Protein backbone atom coordinates (compact mmCIF):
# COMPACT_ATOMS: atom_id res chain seq x y z
CA MET A 1 -46.81 64.21 -22.81
CA THR A 2 -46.06 61.45 -25.36
CA THR A 3 -44.87 57.81 -24.24
CA LEU A 4 -41.39 58.62 -25.30
CA GLU A 5 -41.29 61.74 -23.13
CA TRP A 6 -42.60 59.80 -20.21
CA ILE A 7 -39.87 57.13 -20.63
CA GLY A 8 -37.27 59.96 -20.99
CA GLU A 9 -38.49 61.43 -17.67
CA ILE A 10 -38.22 57.99 -16.06
CA ALA A 11 -34.61 57.80 -17.26
CA GLY A 12 -34.02 61.26 -15.81
CA LEU A 13 -35.50 60.31 -12.46
CA LEU A 14 -33.10 57.16 -12.50
CA ALA A 15 -30.18 59.47 -13.36
CA THR A 16 -31.23 61.76 -10.61
CA ALA A 17 -31.15 58.88 -8.00
CA VAL A 18 -27.73 57.94 -9.16
CA SER A 19 -26.63 61.55 -9.23
CA PHE A 20 -27.35 62.01 -5.38
CA PHE A 21 -24.66 59.51 -4.59
CA ILE A 22 -21.99 61.07 -6.82
CA PHE A 23 -21.47 63.91 -4.17
CA GLN A 24 -21.40 61.53 -1.26
CA GLN A 25 -18.28 59.75 -2.66
CA LYS A 26 -14.92 60.54 -1.09
CA LYS A 27 -12.71 58.92 -3.72
CA ARG A 28 -12.29 60.52 -7.24
CA LYS A 29 -12.75 57.11 -8.99
CA ASN A 30 -15.99 56.45 -7.22
CA ILE A 31 -17.24 59.89 -8.17
CA LEU A 32 -16.29 59.20 -11.87
CA LEU A 33 -17.90 55.81 -11.75
CA PHE A 34 -21.34 57.09 -10.58
CA LYS A 35 -20.99 60.00 -13.04
CA VAL A 36 -20.67 57.68 -16.07
CA ILE A 37 -23.71 55.61 -15.15
CA CYS A 38 -25.61 58.96 -14.54
CA ASP A 39 -24.55 60.26 -17.94
CA ILE A 40 -25.69 57.21 -19.85
CA LEU A 41 -29.19 57.81 -18.32
CA TRP A 42 -29.03 61.52 -19.21
CA ILE A 43 -28.20 60.75 -22.76
CA LEU A 44 -31.30 58.64 -22.95
CA HIS A 45 -33.48 61.20 -21.08
CA PHE A 46 -32.43 64.12 -23.39
CA PHE A 47 -32.63 62.14 -26.59
CA LEU A 48 -36.24 61.22 -25.82
CA LEU A 49 -37.16 64.76 -24.88
CA GLN A 50 -35.49 65.89 -28.20
CA ALA A 51 -33.18 68.26 -26.22
CA TYR A 52 -30.20 67.53 -28.31
CA SER A 53 -27.68 69.93 -26.81
CA GLY A 54 -28.30 68.41 -23.42
CA MET A 55 -27.78 64.92 -25.08
CA ALA A 56 -24.55 66.21 -26.70
CA LEU A 57 -23.30 67.65 -23.29
CA SER A 58 -24.07 64.25 -21.70
CA MET A 59 -22.31 62.34 -24.49
CA VAL A 60 -19.11 64.35 -23.95
CA ALA A 61 -19.48 63.99 -20.21
CA CYS A 62 -19.79 60.24 -20.56
CA LEU A 63 -16.69 60.03 -22.63
CA ARG A 64 -14.85 62.62 -20.39
CA GLY A 65 -15.63 60.35 -17.28
CA ILE A 66 -14.36 57.28 -18.81
CA VAL A 67 -11.16 58.89 -19.86
CA PHE A 68 -10.57 60.78 -16.55
CA TYR A 69 -11.37 57.33 -14.82
CA ARG A 70 -8.86 55.48 -16.95
CA ILE A 71 -6.05 57.94 -16.37
CA GLY A 72 -6.72 57.80 -12.67
CA SER A 73 -6.23 60.31 -9.94
CA ARG A 74 -2.78 62.00 -10.44
CA ARG A 75 -1.07 64.78 -8.61
CA GLU A 76 -1.90 68.21 -9.82
CA GLY A 77 1.32 68.62 -11.79
CA GLU A 78 1.01 65.27 -13.47
CA LYS A 79 -2.43 65.63 -15.05
CA ALA A 80 -2.51 65.78 -18.76
CA LEU A 81 -3.42 69.41 -19.45
CA PRO A 82 -4.17 68.63 -23.15
CA LEU A 83 -7.14 66.41 -22.02
CA LEU A 84 -8.68 69.33 -20.17
CA PHE A 85 -8.57 71.43 -23.45
CA LEU A 86 -9.80 68.37 -25.55
CA PHE A 87 -12.91 68.03 -23.50
CA LEU A 88 -13.44 71.85 -23.48
CA LEU A 89 -13.30 71.76 -27.21
CA LEU A 90 -15.57 68.61 -27.53
CA ASN A 91 -18.14 70.31 -25.30
CA THR A 92 -18.02 73.43 -27.54
CA ALA A 93 -18.25 71.26 -30.80
CA GLY A 94 -21.05 69.02 -29.45
CA ILE A 95 -23.16 71.88 -28.34
CA GLY A 96 -22.41 73.60 -31.65
CA LEU A 97 -23.48 70.68 -33.69
CA MET A 98 -26.50 69.94 -31.53
CA TRP A 99 -27.55 73.60 -31.07
CA SER A 100 -31.31 73.75 -30.26
CA GLY A 101 -31.84 77.41 -29.41
CA PRO A 102 -30.61 79.98 -26.86
CA TRP A 103 -30.95 77.48 -23.87
CA SER A 104 -28.06 75.54 -25.44
CA ILE A 105 -25.70 78.11 -24.07
CA CYS A 106 -26.44 77.08 -20.63
CA SER A 107 -25.40 73.35 -21.68
CA LEU A 108 -22.16 74.91 -23.07
CA ILE A 109 -21.38 76.83 -19.94
CA SER A 110 -22.34 73.60 -17.85
CA GLY A 111 -20.08 71.48 -20.03
CA TRP A 112 -17.11 73.76 -19.50
CA LEU A 113 -17.63 74.10 -15.89
CA ALA A 114 -18.20 70.23 -15.37
CA THR A 115 -14.97 69.56 -17.41
CA VAL A 116 -12.97 71.71 -15.10
CA ALA A 117 -14.64 70.33 -12.11
CA TYR A 118 -14.16 66.65 -12.93
CA TRP A 119 -10.47 67.30 -14.10
CA GLN A 120 -9.79 68.30 -10.43
CA ALA A 121 -7.78 65.84 -8.35
CA SER A 122 -9.45 67.23 -5.19
CA PRO A 123 -12.96 66.05 -4.66
CA LEU A 124 -13.56 69.15 -2.45
CA ARG A 125 -12.64 71.51 -5.35
CA PHE A 126 -14.77 69.18 -7.72
CA LYS A 127 -17.74 69.83 -5.41
CA MET A 128 -17.28 73.64 -5.15
CA LEU A 129 -17.19 73.86 -8.88
CA SER A 130 -20.19 71.72 -9.09
CA LEU A 131 -22.26 74.41 -7.55
CA ALA A 132 -21.81 76.60 -10.57
CA VAL A 133 -22.67 73.61 -12.92
CA CYS A 134 -25.93 73.30 -10.96
CA ALA A 135 -26.74 76.94 -11.52
CA SER A 136 -26.34 76.69 -15.27
CA GLN A 137 -28.17 73.37 -15.47
CA LEU A 138 -31.03 74.50 -13.43
CA THR A 139 -31.50 77.43 -15.99
CA TYR A 140 -31.22 74.96 -18.83
CA ALA A 141 -33.73 72.59 -17.18
CA ILE A 142 -36.37 75.36 -16.78
CA GLY A 143 -35.76 76.54 -20.32
CA ILE A 144 -36.45 73.20 -21.88
CA GLY A 145 -39.05 72.15 -19.49
CA SER A 146 -37.26 69.10 -18.20
CA ARG A 147 -38.87 68.08 -14.76
CA SER A 148 -36.31 65.35 -14.22
CA SER A 149 -33.31 67.66 -14.95
CA LEU A 150 -34.87 70.33 -12.57
CA LEU A 151 -35.38 67.77 -9.81
CA ASN A 152 -31.90 66.47 -10.42
CA GLU A 153 -30.21 69.83 -9.88
CA LEU A 154 -32.18 70.52 -6.77
CA ILE A 155 -31.24 67.08 -5.29
CA THR A 156 -27.66 67.60 -6.54
CA LEU A 157 -27.58 70.98 -4.62
CA SER A 158 -29.00 69.16 -1.56
CA SER A 159 -26.36 66.38 -1.86
CA ILE A 160 -23.52 68.93 -2.05
CA GLY A 161 -24.87 70.75 0.82
CA LEU A 162 -25.28 67.45 2.87
CA PHE A 163 -21.68 66.73 2.11
CA PHE A 164 -20.45 70.13 3.33
CA PHE A 165 -22.76 69.89 6.36
CA ARG A 166 -21.11 66.45 7.17
CA ILE A 167 -17.49 67.91 6.76
CA ARG A 168 -18.52 70.74 9.06
CA ASN A 169 -19.78 68.39 11.68
CA ASP A 170 -16.74 66.08 11.39
CA ARG A 171 -14.42 69.12 11.97
CA ARG A 172 -16.58 70.11 15.02
CA ASN A 173 -16.40 66.64 16.36
CA THR A 174 -12.58 66.36 15.97
CA LYS A 175 -12.13 69.70 17.47
CA LYS A 176 -14.24 68.72 20.57
CA GLU A 177 -12.30 65.37 20.86
CA ASN A 178 -8.92 67.29 20.72
CA THR A 179 -9.86 69.92 23.19
CA PRO A 180 -8.67 69.29 26.85
């Protein structure tokens, strides 16, 4: 492994650490803020590994996070539907321009799913869709040999699982408190 690849893996590990906290957030704006920081680190990671379709996906994700953060959390009917389609198109164009083999299709699928997930006003729906993003990105990570990305997806799955475990326990505790 070259020095640049080691630096890339370190950037990926930092992104992984930040990524864990995305799914522990309850507010959409906090989710998006953590995600932008994470995306910047993933851009560096994939660039240094010369995994350009992953880098393109992360660049679009970073821009998407900034835009979605700026427009705020609106009610379902008030969201700008054209933005959803713009970012789906940008994901497609970015992956098309940075195509680096068959594994790039996983980045394309991840980009589409993540765009729909982050477009959601509901943090719960976002987390449910993120499970499918993890499956696609796990496949990509294995395909390109990214240890950091593989670790990230496993930790992300754990973080989402922890969130749902906490929700279940909160509901149980609330039910017990309300039982006469």
